[in-house]
C-alpha cells in the first residue's frame, strides 16, 4: 500500500495550526486573567469601577482587537472550550469562593443556604426546562431534543450573585451576605452536577428507568463531590 505523503503533510499541518491556535488562546486567556487581577487590585478602593466591570471591559476590548486583526473572520482563538472551563477554571473559582466564605456564618445558616441553593436550583431547573420547551416551539427555533432542553435548564438555573455581592458589605450585613454568597456557591455546584448528570445518561430513550438513573446520577455526583470536598479541606487544614 502506497504512502500518500501529501495527505500526511496536510494532516500534520492542520494539527500544527490547531495546536498553535490553542496555545495562543491559552496565553491570551492567562494574560487577561493576570490583567484582571492586577487592575482589580488597583481599583479595589474605587466606588465606581469594580473587578467584574474591569474583567468585562478587558474581555470586550480583547475580543474586538482579535476580530479586527482577523478581519472579521471567526477565529479559533475566540472559541470557548467547555472542557477547559470545567477542568481548569471552575475548580479554582469554587475553591476560592469556599476559602473566602465565613465558616461560622455559613454553617450557622447551612439549612437555609441548602434550601435556596440546592432545592431552589432544582425548582428553577424544572421551570426553565418546561418554559424553554414551550417558548422554543412557538418561536420555531429548530429541532431540539429533550437533552438539549434539560441542558438549557441546567445552565440557566445557575444565577450569578456577583453583582449583588458587590453592593453588599460583609461587615454591615453579615447574615444577608452569607446567605447570598453561600447560595451562589451551592447554586453553581448544583447546576454543574445537573449538567454532568444530563450528559451521562441516554435521554433519547426516556422512560422511568432513565428518570431513576438521572436522579441516581445527580445524587451520586452531588454527595460524593460534597464528601470529597469536605474530606480534602479537613485534610488540608490538619496538615497546615
C-alpha atoms as a PDB file:
ATOM      1  CA  UNK A   1       0.000   0.000   0.000  1.00  0.00           C
ATOM      2  CA  UNK A   2       1.493   3.340  -1.093  1.00  0.00           C
ATOM      3  CA  UNK A   3       2.147   6.148   1.315  1.00  0.00           C
ATOM      4  CA  UNK A   4       0.375   9.407   0.496  1.00  0.00           C
ATOM      5  CA  UNK A   5       2.918  11.997   1.600  1.00  0.00           C
ATOM      6  CA  UNK A   6       0.693  14.883   0.558  1.00  0.00           C
ATOM      7  CA  UNK A   7      -2.182  13.716   2.753  1.00  0.00           C
ATOM      8  CA  UNK A   8       0.151  13.165   5.709  1.00  0.00           C
ATOM      9  CA  UNK A   9       1.714  16.600   5.290  1.00  0.00           C
ATOM     10  CA  UNK A  10      -1.733  18.215   5.122  1.00  0.00           C
ATOM     11  CA  UNK A  11      -2.827  16.314   8.227  1.00  0.00           C
ATOM     12  CA  UNK A  12       0.196  17.333  10.293  1.00  0.00           C
ATOM     13  CA  UNK A  13      -0.070  20.917   9.038  1.00  0.00           C
ATOM     14  CA  UNK A  14      -3.669  21.024  10.259  1.00  0.00           C
ATOM     15  CA  UNK A  15      -2.627  19.627  13.633  1.00  0.00           C
ATOM     16  CA  UNK A  16       0.159  22.199  13.909  1.00  0.00           C
ATOM     17  CA  UNK A  17      -2.256  25.055  13.147  1.00  0.00           C
ATOM     18  CA  UNK A  18      -4.748  23.701  15.680  1.00  0.00           C
ATOM     19  CA  UNK A  19      -2.060  23.380  18.372  1.00  0.00           C
ATOM     20  CA  UNK A  20      -0.802  26.883  17.594  1.00  0.00           C
ATOM     21  CA  UNK A  21      -4.300  28.348  17.958  1.00  0.00           C
ATOM     22  CA  UNK A  22      -4.812  26.504  21.234  1.00  0.00           C
ATOM     23  CA  UNK A  23      -1.509  27.759  22.658  1.00  0.00           C
ATOM     24  CA  UNK A  24      -2.258  31.330  21.574  1.00  0.00           C
ATOM     25  CA  UNK A  25      -5.746  31.137  23.098  1.00  0.00           C
ATOM     26  CA  UNK A  26      -4.398  29.828  26.422  1.00  0.00           C
ATOM     27  CA  UNK A  27      -1.681  32.519  26.539  1.00  0.00           C
ATOM     28  CA  UNK A  28      -4.209  35.259  25.809  1.00  0.00           C
ATOM     29  CA  UNK A  29      -6.501  33.910  28.499  1.00  0.00           C
ATOM     30  CA  UNK A  30      -3.698  33.771  31.095  1.00  0.00           C
ATOM     31  CA  UNK A  31      -2.646  37.327  30.195  1.00  0.00           C
ATOM     32  CA  UNK A  32      -6.246  38.522  30.537  1.00  0.00           C
ATOM     33  CA  UNK A  33      -6.601  36.739  33.866  1.00  0.00           C
ATOM     34  CA  UNK A  34      -3.433  38.382  35.192  1.00  0.00           C
ATOM     35  CA  UNK A  35      -4.619  41.746  33.867  1.00  0.00           C
ATOM     36  CA  UNK A  36      -7.978  41.353  35.610  1.00  0.00           C
ATOM     37  CA  UNK A  37      -6.249  40.517  38.896  1.00  0.00           C
ATOM     38  CA  UNK A  38      -3.856  43.484  38.650  1.00  0.00           C
ATOM     39  CA  UNK A  39      -6.471  46.047  37.582  1.00  0.00           C
ATOM     40  CA  UNK A  40      -8.964  44.675  40.089  1.00  0.00           C
ATOM     41  CA  UNK A  41      -6.429  45.138  42.886  1.00  0.00           C
ATOM     42  CA  UNK A  42      -5.554  48.666  41.736  1.00  0.00           C
ATOM     43  CA  UNK A  43      -9.220  49.685  41.524  1.00  0.00           C
ATOM     44  CA  UNK A  44     -10.227  47.961  44.742  1.00  0.00           C
ATOM     45  CA  UNK A  45     -10.959  51.251  46.517  1.00  0.00           C
ATOM     46  CA  UNK A  46     -12.826  52.803  43.584  1.00  0.00           C
ATOM     47  CA  UNK A  47     -16.561  53.145  44.204  1.00  0.00           C
ATOM     48  CA  UNK A  48     -17.495  53.369  40.507  1.00  0.00           C
ATOM     49  CA  UNK A  49     -15.421  50.579  38.927  1.00  0.00           C
ATOM     50  CA  UNK A  50     -15.052  47.091  40.401  1.00  0.00           C
ATOM     51  CA  UNK A  51     -13.231  43.906  39.429  1.00  0.00           C
ATOM     52  CA  UNK A  52     -16.191  42.478  37.490  1.00  0.00           C
ATOM     53  CA  UNK A  53     -16.515  45.621  35.366  1.00  0.00           C
ATOM     54  CA  UNK A  54     -12.777  45.581  34.679  1.00  0.00           C
ATOM     55  CA  UNK A  55     -12.907  41.947  33.529  1.00  0.00           C
ATOM     56  CA  UNK A  56     -15.884  42.711  31.262  1.00  0.00           C
ATOM     57  CA  UNK A  57     -14.174  45.718  29.646  1.00  0.00           C
ATOM     58  CA  UNK A  58     -10.893  43.845  29.123  1.00  0.00           C
ATOM     59  CA  UNK A  59     -12.747  40.927  27.537  1.00  0.00           C
ATOM     60  CA  UNK A  60     -14.688  43.199  25.171  1.00  0.00           C
ATOM     61  CA  UNK A  61     -11.551  45.090  24.123  1.00  0.00           C
ATOM     62  CA  UNK A  62      -9.569  41.888  23.558  1.00  0.00           C
ATOM     63  CA  UNK A  63     -12.372  40.294  21.547  1.00  0.00           C
ATOM     64  CA  UNK A  64     -12.716  43.420  19.409  1.00  0.00           C
ATOM     65  CA  UNK A  65      -8.973  43.567  18.733  1.00  0.00           C
ATOM     66  CA  UNK A  66      -8.888  39.886  17.742  1.00  0.00           C
ATOM     67  CA  UNK A  67     -11.842  40.313  15.372  1.00  0.00           C
ATOM     68  CA  UNK A  68     -10.204  43.365  13.777  1.00  0.00           C
ATOM     69  CA  UNK A  69      -6.862  41.580  13.382  1.00  0.00           C
ATOM     70  CA  UNK A  70      -8.566  38.554  11.786  1.00  0.00           C
ATOM     71  CA  UNK A  71     -10.620  40.897   9.533  1.00  0.00           C
ATOM     72  CA  UNK A  72     -13.925  39.724  10.934  1.00  0.00           C
ATOM     73  CA  UNK A  73     -13.238  36.053  10.274  1.00  0.00           C
ATOM     74  CA  UNK A  74     -14.351  33.747  13.076  1.00  0.00           C
ATOM     75  CA  UNK A  75     -11.105  32.814  14.788  1.00  0.00           C
ATOM     76  CA  UNK A  76     -10.454  29.642  16.758  1.00  0.00           C
ATOM     77  CA  UNK A  77      -8.966  31.860  19.456  1.00  0.00           C
ATOM     78  CA  UNK A  78     -12.456  33.100  20.344  1.00  0.00           C
ATOM     79  CA  UNK A  79     -13.947  29.600  20.565  1.00  0.00           C
ATOM     80  CA  UNK A  80     -14.836  28.702  24.150  1.00  0.00           C
ATOM     81  CA  UNK A  81     -13.966  25.178  25.269  1.00  0.00           C
ATOM     82  CA  UNK A  82     -16.245  23.706  27.919  1.00  0.00           C
ATOM     83  CA  UNK A  83     -13.565  21.150  28.849  1.00  0.00           C
ATOM     84  CA  UNK A  84     -11.120  23.931  29.741  1.00  0.00           C
ATOM     85  CA  UNK A  85     -13.824  25.631  31.801  1.00  0.00           C
ATOM     86  CA  UNK A  86     -14.893  22.561  33.784  1.00  0.00           C
ATOM     87  CA  UNK A  87     -11.390  21.137  34.304  1.00  0.00           C
ATOM     88  CA  UNK A  88      -9.165  24.201  34.740  1.00  0.00           C
ATOM     89  CA  UNK A  89     -11.357  27.227  35.553  1.00  0.00           C
ATOM     90  CA  UNK A  90     -14.290  26.072  37.638  1.00  0.00           C
ATOM     91  CA  UNK A  91     -12.386  24.210  40.423  1.00  0.00           C
ATOM     92  CA  UNK A  92     -10.209  27.245  41.358  1.00  0.00           C
ATOM     93  CA  UNK A  93     -13.288  29.508  41.279  1.00  0.00           C
ATOM     94  CA  UNK A  94     -15.262  27.260  43.627  1.00  0.00           C
ATOM     95  CA  UNK A  95     -12.188  26.664  45.818  1.00  0.00           C
ATOM     96  CA  UNK A  96     -11.582  30.413  46.124  1.00  0.00           C
ATOM     97  CA  UNK A  97     -15.244  31.006  46.947  1.00  0.00           C
ATOM     98  CA  UNK A  98     -15.202  28.330  49.626  1.00  0.00           C
ATOM     99  CA  UNK A  99     -11.907  29.624  51.015  1.00  0.00           C
ATOM    100  CA  UNK A 100     -13.244  33.184  51.400  1.00  0.00           C
ATOM    101  CA  UNK A 101     -16.578  32.305  52.990  1.00  0.00           C
ATOM    102  CA  UNK A 102     -17.029  32.991  56.702  1.00  0.00           C
ATOM    103  CA  UNK A 103     -17.253  29.492  58.173  1.00  0.00           C
ATOM    104  CA  UNK A 104     -19.353  30.359  61.233  1.00  0.00           C
ATOM    105  CA  UNK A 105     -21.982  32.275  59.286  1.00  0.00           C
ATOM    106  CA  UNK A 106     -22.082  29.624  56.559  1.00  0.00           C
ATOM    107  CA  UNK A 107     -22.657  26.635  58.843  1.00  0.00           C
ATOM    108  CA  UNK A 108     -24.997  28.621  61.100  1.00  0.00           C
ATOM    109  CA  UNK A 109     -27.274  29.217  58.098  1.00  0.00           C
ATOM    110  CA  UNK A 110     -26.432  25.942  56.332  1.00  0.00           C
ATOM    111  CA  UNK A 111     -30.036  24.672  56.146  1.00  0.00           C
ATOM    112  CA  UNK A 112     -31.289  27.927  54.611  1.00  0.00           C
ATOM    113  CA  UNK A 113     -28.402  28.057  52.138  1.00  0.00           C
ATOM    114  CA  UNK A 114     -29.013  24.467  51.022  1.00  0.00           C
ATOM    115  CA  UNK A 115     -32.734  25.207  50.686  1.00  0.00           C
ATOM    116  CA  UNK A 116     -32.094  28.165  48.389  1.00  0.00           C
ATOM    117  CA  UNK A 117     -29.004  26.782  46.650  1.00  0.00           C
ATOM    118  CA  UNK A 118     -30.000  23.148  46.004  1.00  0.00           C
ATOM    119  CA  UNK A 119     -33.803  22.951  46.230  1.00  0.00           C
ATOM    120  CA  UNK A 120     -34.234  26.388  44.650  1.00  0.00           C
ATOM    121  CA  UNK A 121     -31.943  25.446  41.777  1.00  0.00           C
ATOM    122  CA  UNK A 122     -33.904  22.249  41.116  1.00  0.00           C
ATOM    123  CA  UNK A 123     -37.166  24.236  41.040  1.00  0.00           C
ATOM    124  CA  UNK A 124     -35.609  26.774  38.642  1.00  0.00           C
ATOM    125  CA  UNK A 125     -34.278  23.892  36.529  1.00  0.00           C
ATOM    126  CA  UNK A 126     -37.763  22.393  36.108  1.00  0.00           C
ATOM    127  CA  UNK A 127     -39.425  25.756  35.380  1.00  0.00           C
ATOM    128  CA  UNK A 128     -36.773  26.847  32.849  1.00  0.00           C
ATOM    129  CA  UNK A 129     -36.807  23.460  31.094  1.00  0.00           C
ATOM    130  CA  UNK A 130     -40.572  23.432  30.578  1.00  0.00           C
ATOM    131  CA  UNK A 131     -40.550  27.149  29.760  1.00  0.00           C
ATOM    132  CA  UNK A 132     -37.892  26.620  27.091  1.00  0.00           C
ATOM    133  CA  UNK A 133     -39.868  23.732  25.600  1.00  0.00           C
ATOM    134  CA  UNK A 134     -42.982  25.902  25.286  1.00  0.00           C
ATOM    135  CA  UNK A 135     -41.198  29.061  24.135  1.00  0.00           C
ATOM    136  CA  UNK A 136     -38.879  27.463  21.579  1.00  0.00           C
ATOM    137  CA  UNK A 137     -41.748  25.530  19.998  1.00  0.00           C
ATOM    138  CA  UNK A 138     -43.612  28.805  19.409  1.00  0.00           C
ATOM    139  CA  UNK A 139     -40.529  30.623  18.119  1.00  0.00           C
ATOM    140  CA  UNK A 140     -39.696  27.753  15.744  1.00  0.00           C
ATOM    141  CA  UNK A 141     -36.049  27.744  16.832  1.00  0.00           C
ATOM    142  CA  UNK A 142     -35.343  24.358  15.309  1.00  0.00           C
ATOM    143  CA  UNK A 143     -35.367  20.676  16.142  1.00  0.00           C
ATOM    144  CA  UNK A 144     -34.193  20.286  19.726  1.00  0.00           C
ATOM    145  CA  UNK A 145     -34.121  17.062  21.695  1.00  0.00           C
ATOM    146  CA  UNK A 146     -35.109  16.567  25.320  1.00  0.00           C
ATOM    147  CA  UNK A 147     -31.461  16.531  26.370  1.00  0.00           C
ATOM    148  CA  UNK A 148     -30.993  19.988  24.839  1.00  0.00           C
ATOM    149  CA  UNK A 149     -33.880  21.415  26.864  1.00  0.00           C
ATOM    150  CA  UNK A 150     -32.573  19.794  30.045  1.00  0.00           C
ATOM    151  CA  UNK A 151     -29.102  21.215  29.390  1.00  0.00           C
ATOM    152  CA  UNK A 152     -30.593  24.684  28.853  1.00  0.00           C
ATOM    153  CA  UNK A 153     -32.488  24.360  32.131  1.00  0.00           C
ATOM    154  CA  UNK A 154     -29.339  23.286  33.987  1.00  0.00           C
ATOM    155  CA  UNK A 155     -27.264  26.130  32.546  1.00  0.00           C
ATOM    156  CA  UNK A 156     -29.758  28.951  33.094  1.00  0.00           C
ATOM    157  CA  UNK A 157     -30.719  27.777  36.572  1.00  0.00           C
ATOM    158  CA  UNK A 158     -27.263  28.905  37.722  1.00  0.00           C
ATOM    159  CA  UNK A 159     -27.723  32.500  38.881  1.00  0.00           C
ATOM    160  CA  UNK A 160     -24.634  34.631  39.403  1.00  0.00           C
ATOM    161  CA  UNK A 161     -24.676  36.692  42.589  1.00  0.00           C
ATOM    162  CA  UNK A 162     -21.560  38.746  41.773  1.00  0.00           C
ATOM    163  CA  UNK A 163     -23.470  41.992  41.201  1.00  0.00           C
ATOM    164  CA  UNK A 164     -25.456  41.535  44.416  1.00  0.00           C
ATOM    165  CA  UNK A 165     -22.324  40.854  46.446  1.00  0.00           C
ATOM    166  CA  UNK A 166     -20.643  43.961  45.022  1.00  0.00           C
ATOM    167  CA  UNK A 167     -23.233  46.242  46.659  1.00  0.00           C
ATOM    168  CA  UNK A 168     -23.348  44.342  49.957  1.00  0.00           C
ATOM    169  CA  UNK A 169     -20.952  44.994  52.808  1.00  0.00           C
ATOM    170  CA  UNK A 170     -19.960  41.829  54.623  1.00  0.00           C
ATOM    171  CA  UNK A 171     -19.397  43.684  57.892  1.00  0.00           C
ATOM    172  CA  UNK A 172     -22.651  45.684  57.830  1.00  0.00           C
ATOM    173  CA  UNK A 173     -24.964  42.857  56.699  1.00  0.00           C
ATOM    174  CA  UNK A 174     -23.211  39.576  57.595  1.00  0.00           C
ATOM    175  CA  UNK A 175     -26.372  37.442  57.555  1.00  0.00           C
ATOM    176  CA  UNK A 176     -27.578  38.634  54.141  1.00  0.00           C
ATOM    177  CA  UNK A 177     -24.076  38.445  52.682  1.00  0.00           C
ATOM    178  CA  UNK A 178     -23.609  34.907  53.995  1.00  0.00           C
ATOM    179  CA  UNK A 179     -26.951  33.762  52.551  1.00  0.00           C
ATOM    180  CA  UNK A 180     -26.324  35.297  49.121  1.00  0.00           C
ATOM    181  CA  UNK A 181     -22.709  34.112  48.960  1.00  0.00           C
ATOM    182  CA  UNK A 182     -23.479  30.590  50.156  1.00  0.00           C
ATOM    183  CA  UNK A 183     -26.484  30.286  47.844  1.00  0.00           C
ATOM    184  CA  UNK A 184     -24.326  31.320  44.894  1.00  0.00           C
ATOM    185  CA  UNK A 185     -21.679  28.687  45.657  1.00  0.00           C
ATOM    186  CA  UNK A 186     -24.189  25.858  46.221  1.00  0.00           C
ATOM    187  CA  UNK A 187     -26.232  27.002  43.218  1.00  0.00           C
ATOM    188  CA  UNK A 188     -23.241  26.818  40.870  1.00  0.00           C
ATOM    189  CA  UNK A 189     -22.225  23.404  42.202  1.00  0.00           C
ATOM    190  CA  UNK A 190     -25.778  22.052  41.821  1.00  0.00           C
ATOM    191  CA  UNK A 191     -26.008  23.324  38.238  1.00  0.00           C
ATOM    192  CA  UNK A 192     -22.678  21.712  37.321  1.00  0.00           C
ATOM    193  CA  UNK A 193     -23.786  18.397  38.827  1.00  0.00           C
ATOM    194  CA  UNK A 194     -27.099  18.603  36.948  1.00  0.00           C
ATOM    195  CA  UNK A 195     -25.339  19.322  33.658  1.00  0.00           C
ATOM    196  CA  UNK A 196     -22.889  16.434  34.092  1.00  0.00           C
ATOM    197  CA  UNK A 197     -25.722  14.069  35.063  1.00  0.00           C
ATOM    198  CA  UNK A 198     -27.636  15.033  31.907  1.00  0.00           C
ATOM    199  CA  UNK A 199     -24.586  14.344  29.743  1.00  0.00           C
ATOM    200  CA  UNK A 200     -24.013  10.916  31.307  1.00  0.00           C
ATOM    201  CA  UNK A 201     -27.473   9.421  30.641  1.00  0.00           C
ATOM    202  CA  UNK A 202     -29.305   8.363  27.485  1.00  0.00           C
ATOM    203  CA  UNK A 203     -32.065  10.954  27.067  1.00  0.00           C
ATOM    204  CA  UNK A 204     -33.159   9.721  23.621  1.00  0.00           C
ATOM    205  CA  UNK A 205     -34.884   6.665  25.143  1.00  0.00           C
ATOM    206  CA  UNK A 206     -36.587   8.386  28.069  1.00  0.00           C
ATOM    207  CA  UNK A 207     -38.592   6.194  30.440  1.00  0.00           C
ATOM    208  CA  UNK A 208     -38.937   5.536  34.158  1.00  0.00           C
ATOM    209  CA  UNK A 209     -35.580   3.750  34.256  1.00  0.00           C
ATOM    210  CA  UNK A 210     -33.818   6.722  32.646  1.00  0.00           C
ATOM    211  CA  UNK A 211     -35.529   9.068  35.123  1.00  0.00           C
ATOM    212  CA  UNK A 212     -34.345   6.961  38.056  1.00  0.00           C
ATOM    213  CA  UNK A 213     -30.886   6.785  36.505  1.00  0.00           C
ATOM    214  CA  UNK A 214     -30.817  10.580  36.189  1.00  0.00           C
ATOM    215  CA  UNK A 215     -31.849  11.044  39.834  1.00  0.00           C
ATOM    216  CA  UNK A 216     -29.261   8.477  40.920  1.00  0.00           C
ATOM    217  CA  UNK A 217     -26.510  10.167  38.902  1.00  0.00           C
ATOM    218  CA  UNK A 218     -27.407  13.553  40.365  1.00  0.00           C
ATOM    219  CA  UNK A 219     -27.455  12.299  43.960  1.00  0.00           C
ATOM    220  CA  UNK A 220     -24.230  10.330  43.443  1.00  0.00           C
ATOM    221  CA  UNK A 221     -22.328  13.278  41.956  1.00  0.00           C
ATOM    222  CA  UNK A 222     -23.755  15.753  44.470  1.00  0.00           C
ATOM    223  CA  UNK A 223     -22.994  13.793  47.628  1.00  0.00           C
ATOM    224  CA  UNK A 224     -19.672  12.300  46.521  1.00  0.00           C
ATOM    225  CA  UNK A 225     -18.346  15.708  45.464  1.00  0.00           C
ATOM    226  CA  UNK A 226     -19.549  17.203  48.758  1.00  0.00           C
ATOM    227  CA  UNK A 227     -17.939  14.458  50.849  1.00  0.00           C
ATOM    228  CA  UNK A 228     -14.727  14.627  48.812  1.00  0.00           C
ATOM    229  CA  UNK A 229     -14.553  18.414  49.188  1.00  0.00           C
ATOM    230  CA  UNK A 230     -15.125  18.266  52.948  1.00  0.00           C
ATOM    231  CA  UNK A 231     -12.553  15.475  53.361  1.00  0.00           C
ATOM    232  CA  UNK A 232      -9.869  17.263  51.326  1.00  0.00           C
ATOM    233  CA  UNK A 233     -10.483  20.584  53.096  1.00  0.00           C
ATOM    234  CA  UNK A 234     -10.231  18.939  56.525  1.00  0.00           C
ATOM    235  CA  UNK A 235      -7.043  17.165  55.451  1.00  0.00           C
ATOM    236  CA  UNK A 236      -5.500  20.431  54.260  1.00  0.00           C
ATOM    237  CA  UNK A 237      -6.495  22.203  57.470  1.00  0.00           C
ATOM    238  CA  UNK A 238      -4.952  19.387  59.508  1.00  0.00           C
ATOM    239  CA  UNK A 239      -1.691  19.492  57.549  1.00  0.00           C
ATOM    240  CA  UNK A 240      -1.456  23.279  57.669  1.00  0.00           C
END
